[in-house]
Amino acid sequence: MKNYIVATRNGAGFTTGCIRTNWMKWNGVLHSPLTMVRLQMPDVFTKAKRSEVMSRIRSRGNKDTEVALAKLLRKHKIKEWRRHLEIRGRDAALRRPRTARRSVPTIKTGAHGVTRPTIRVRPDFVFRQLRLALFVDGCFWHGCPKHKTKPRNNRAFWRQKLFSNKKRDVLVTRALRRANWHVLRIWEHELARKNELRLMGRIQRALDFRK
């Protein structure tokens, strides 16, 4: 599913995603795709203003994908996990990108005025006892090789935005592994029902390996 602006009798908005469904949720109401009209509507902001607005957005993760995975974990009786548990550590190799979302590296000052680089990461799911960090990456926002899309408008901004996201993912993964954490990343499309058994088997193998 590509990015587009949808206009209906109940409103309009911007939507992204990769999972195709027969019904789409829009403004709290379920509408059939046959009753929806896809129109290329002009942006109310200039390119510069839109770039500024989008750069100020700070998200705490995709709730739809995270909730879907949480349901699967409960269904298969996988326990001892927590969502968005903060992991702290030291890593001089990690720097803070301007568009950081799930990792917030900071610099703290010690008692004697000595600065030490530290990281603060909040994975989507954390198995603390096993030191396993699990991330659910949206296909659009993290550049899925199968379902990534390229917005037509403001291409330079989106190219830099998505590149920064992928670069941050690599840095966070490396930093956690250096801190003796095992990192497991799951694509949004892996949450589809046809991939359920394969996905759960992958997670269970990662858990068994850390025990």
Protein backbone atom coordinates (compact mmCIF):
# COMPACT_ATOMS: atom_id res chain seq x y z
CA MET A 1 0.00 0.00 0.00
CA LYS A 2 1.50 3.29 -1.07
CA ASN A 3 1.34 6.63 0.68
CA TYR A 4 -1.59 8.77 -0.35
CA ILE A 5 -4.13 11.25 0.93
CA VAL A 6 -7.64 9.83 1.20
CA ALA A 7 -10.72 11.99 1.03
CA THR A 8 -14.02 10.72 2.43
CA ARG A 9 -17.23 12.33 3.60
CA ASN A 10 -15.85 12.14 7.15
CA GLY A 11 -12.54 13.86 6.49
CA ALA A 12 -9.14 13.43 4.92
CA GLY A 13 -5.64 12.59 6.02
CA PHE A 14 -2.30 11.00 5.20
CA THR A 15 -1.82 7.27 5.56
CA THR A 16 1.14 4.91 5.25
CA GLY A 17 1.63 1.20 5.70
CA CYS A 18 2.37 -2.07 3.97
CA ILE A 19 -0.33 -4.47 5.18
CA ARG A 20 -3.25 -4.66 2.76
CA THR A 21 -6.66 -5.15 4.32
CA ASN A 22 -10.22 -5.34 3.01
CA TRP A 23 -11.36 -2.62 5.37
CA MET A 24 -9.53 0.50 6.44
CA LYS A 25 -9.87 2.37 9.70
CA TRP A 26 -10.35 6.10 9.15
CA ASN A 27 -11.24 8.72 11.73
CA GLY A 28 -12.68 6.11 14.06
CA VAL A 29 -15.05 4.73 11.38
CA LEU A 30 -14.61 1.64 9.24
CA HIS A 31 -15.02 2.29 5.54
CA SER A 32 -14.87 -0.07 2.60
CA PRO A 33 -12.16 0.79 0.02
CA LEU A 34 -14.89 0.80 -2.61
CA THR A 35 -16.52 3.82 -0.95
CA MET A 36 -13.27 5.75 -0.58
CA VAL A 37 -11.97 8.17 -3.20
CA ARG A 38 -8.23 8.52 -3.64
CA LEU A 39 -7.34 12.09 -4.53
CA GLN A 40 -4.02 13.90 -4.74
CA MET A 41 -4.83 16.85 -2.50
CA PRO A 42 -2.48 19.86 -2.30
CA ASP A 43 -0.57 20.41 0.93
CA VAL A 44 -1.77 23.37 3.01
CA PHE A 45 1.83 24.16 4.02
CA THR A 46 4.82 25.20 1.96
CA LYS A 47 7.67 22.69 1.60
CA ALA A 48 9.76 24.55 4.16
CA LYS A 49 6.89 24.71 6.66
CA ARG A 50 5.99 21.05 6.14
CA SER A 51 9.61 20.06 6.74
CA GLU A 52 9.63 22.04 9.99
CA VAL A 53 6.35 20.51 11.17
CA MET A 54 7.43 16.94 10.41
CA SER A 55 10.82 17.40 12.09
CA ARG A 56 9.07 18.27 15.37
CA ILE A 57 7.09 15.03 15.51
CA ARG A 58 8.23 12.66 18.25
CA SER A 59 6.65 9.23 18.32
CA ARG A 60 6.69 6.46 20.91
CA GLY A 61 6.42 3.72 18.32
CA ASN A 62 3.71 2.30 16.14
CA LYS A 63 0.96 1.30 18.54
CA ASP A 64 -0.81 -0.88 16.00
CA THR A 65 2.20 -3.08 15.30
CA GLU A 66 3.32 -3.20 18.94
CA VAL A 67 -0.14 -4.16 20.18
CA ALA A 68 -0.38 -6.82 17.46
CA LEU A 69 2.90 -8.37 18.57
CA ALA A 70 1.92 -8.15 22.25
CA LYS A 71 -1.22 -10.15 21.45
CA LEU A 72 0.83 -12.79 19.65
CA LEU A 73 3.23 -13.09 22.58
CA ARG A 74 0.35 -13.60 24.99
CA LYS A 75 -1.33 -16.06 22.63
CA HIS A 76 1.80 -18.22 22.49
CA LYS A 77 2.38 -17.81 26.25
CA ILE A 78 5.68 -15.98 25.91
CA LYS A 79 6.12 -14.07 29.18
CA GLU A 80 8.60 -11.98 31.18
CA TRP A 81 8.67 -9.07 28.73
CA ARG A 82 8.00 -5.39 29.24
CA ARG A 83 7.32 -2.63 26.76
CA HIS A 84 9.52 0.47 26.44
CA LEU A 85 11.73 -0.44 29.39
CA GLU A 86 14.66 1.93 29.42
CA ILE A 87 18.12 0.43 28.92
CA ARG A 88 21.02 2.57 30.08
CA GLY A 89 24.69 2.13 29.36
CA ARG A 90 27.88 3.73 28.14
CA ASP A 91 28.93 3.86 24.51
CA ALA A 92 31.24 6.48 23.08
CA ALA A 93 30.50 5.37 19.52
CA LEU A 94 26.83 6.37 19.65
CA ARG A 95 25.86 9.93 18.81
CA ARG A 96 22.43 11.52 18.92
CA PRO A 97 20.76 12.08 15.53
CA ARG A 98 18.40 15.04 15.31
CA THR A 99 15.50 12.74 14.42
CA ALA A 100 16.11 10.21 17.22
CA ARG A 101 12.96 8.42 18.33
CA ARG A 102 13.65 5.28 20.35
CA SER A 103 17.23 6.09 21.41
CA VAL A 104 18.24 9.20 23.33
CA PRO A 105 22.01 9.30 23.93
CA THR A 106 23.01 11.92 26.47
CA ILE A 107 26.18 13.28 28.05
CA LYS A 108 26.30 13.25 31.85
CA THR A 109 28.81 14.94 34.12
CA GLY A 110 30.39 13.03 36.98
CA ALA A 111 31.18 14.21 40.49
CA HIS A 112 34.59 15.51 39.41
CA GLY A 113 33.41 17.26 36.29
CA VAL A 114 34.34 14.35 33.96
CA THR A 115 31.95 13.81 31.09
CA ARG A 116 31.06 10.27 30.13
CA PRO A 117 28.99 9.29 27.06
CA THR A 118 25.87 7.35 27.99
CA ILE A 119 22.98 5.85 26.06
CA ARG A 120 19.32 5.57 26.96
CA VAL A 121 17.39 3.21 24.70
CA ARG A 122 13.75 2.16 24.93
CA PRO A 123 13.17 -0.94 22.78
CA ASP A 124 9.60 -1.88 21.94
CA PHE A 125 9.88 -5.07 24.01
CA VAL A 126 12.52 -5.97 26.60
CA PHE A 127 13.24 -9.37 28.15
CA ARG A 128 15.33 -8.04 31.00
CA GLN A 129 16.47 -11.29 32.58
CA LEU A 130 17.65 -12.64 29.23
CA ARG A 131 19.02 -9.29 28.04
CA LEU A 132 17.02 -9.45 24.84
CA ALA A 133 15.83 -6.26 23.14
CA LEU A 134 13.11 -6.61 20.51
CA PHE A 135 12.19 -3.88 18.02
CA VAL A 136 9.19 -3.79 15.68
CA ASP A 137 10.20 -1.70 12.67
CA GLY A 138 7.57 -0.15 10.42
CA CYS A 139 8.13 -0.98 6.77
CA PHE A 140 7.84 2.66 5.65
CA TRP A 141 9.73 4.42 8.44
CA HIS A 142 12.64 1.98 8.57
CA GLY A 143 13.09 1.21 4.87
CA CYS A 144 11.85 -2.35 4.49
CA PRO A 145 13.52 -3.83 1.37
CA LYS A 146 10.22 -5.44 0.35
CA HIS A 147 7.65 -2.73 1.11
CA LYS A 148 9.48 0.60 1.34
CA THR A 149 7.86 3.45 -0.58
CA LYS A 150 9.18 6.80 -1.77
CA PRO A 151 6.86 9.79 -1.26
CA ARG A 152 6.50 11.96 -4.33
CA ASN A 153 6.48 15.27 -2.50
CA ASN A 154 9.48 16.76 -0.71
CA ARG A 155 11.74 13.90 -1.74
CA ALA A 156 14.92 15.44 -0.34
CA PHE A 157 13.42 15.68 3.15
CA TRP A 158 12.08 12.12 3.14
CA ARG A 159 15.30 10.71 1.71
CA GLN A 160 17.27 12.27 4.58
CA LYS A 161 14.62 11.32 7.15
CA LEU A 162 14.52 7.64 6.21
CA PHE A 163 18.31 7.48 5.85
CA SER A 164 18.66 8.89 9.40
CA ASN A 165 16.20 6.30 10.71
CA LYS A 166 18.16 3.41 9.20
CA LYS A 167 21.47 4.84 10.37
CA ARG A 168 20.14 5.23 13.92
CA ASP A 169 18.87 1.62 13.89
CA VAL A 170 22.36 0.37 13.04
CA LEU A 171 23.99 2.49 15.76
CA VAL A 172 21.49 1.41 18.42
CA THR A 173 21.86 -2.27 17.50
CA ARG A 174 25.65 -2.08 17.67
CA ALA A 175 25.60 -0.23 20.98
CA LEU A 176 23.29 -2.77 22.61
CA ARG A 177 25.33 -5.70 21.36
CA ARG A 178 28.50 -4.17 22.74
CA ALA A 179 26.68 -3.95 26.08
CA ASN A 180 26.01 -7.72 25.90
CA TRP A 181 22.39 -7.39 24.78
CA HIS A 182 20.92 -9.57 22.05
CA VAL A 183 18.92 -7.51 19.54
CA LEU A 184 16.05 -8.89 17.50
CA ARG A 185 14.39 -6.71 14.85
CA ILE A 186 11.03 -7.60 13.32
CA TRP A 187 9.51 -6.04 10.21
CA GLU A 188 5.92 -4.89 10.24
CA HIS A 189 4.96 -7.29 7.44
CA GLU A 190 6.12 -10.26 9.55
CA LEU A 191 3.09 -9.70 11.79
CA ALA A 192 0.76 -10.95 9.06
CA ARG A 193 -1.24 -14.03 10.02
CA LYS A 194 0.46 -16.21 7.38
CA ASN A 195 3.84 -15.48 9.01
CA GLU A 196 2.71 -16.04 12.62
CA LEU A 197 4.25 -19.47 13.23
CA ARG A 198 7.53 -18.53 11.57
CA LEU A 199 7.76 -15.31 13.60
CA MET A 200 6.97 -16.98 16.91
CA GLY A 201 9.52 -19.68 16.18
CA ARG A 202 12.16 -17.03 15.51
CA ILE A 203 11.41 -15.26 18.79
CA GLN A 204 11.36 -18.51 20.77
CA ARG A 205 14.74 -19.54 19.34
CA ALA A 206 16.21 -16.19 20.36
CA LEU A 207 14.85 -16.67 23.89
CA ASP A 208 16.17 -20.23 24.14
CA PHE A 209 19.59 -19.10 22.96
CA ARG A 210 19.82 -16.51 25.78
CA LYS A 211 18.82 -18.97 28.52
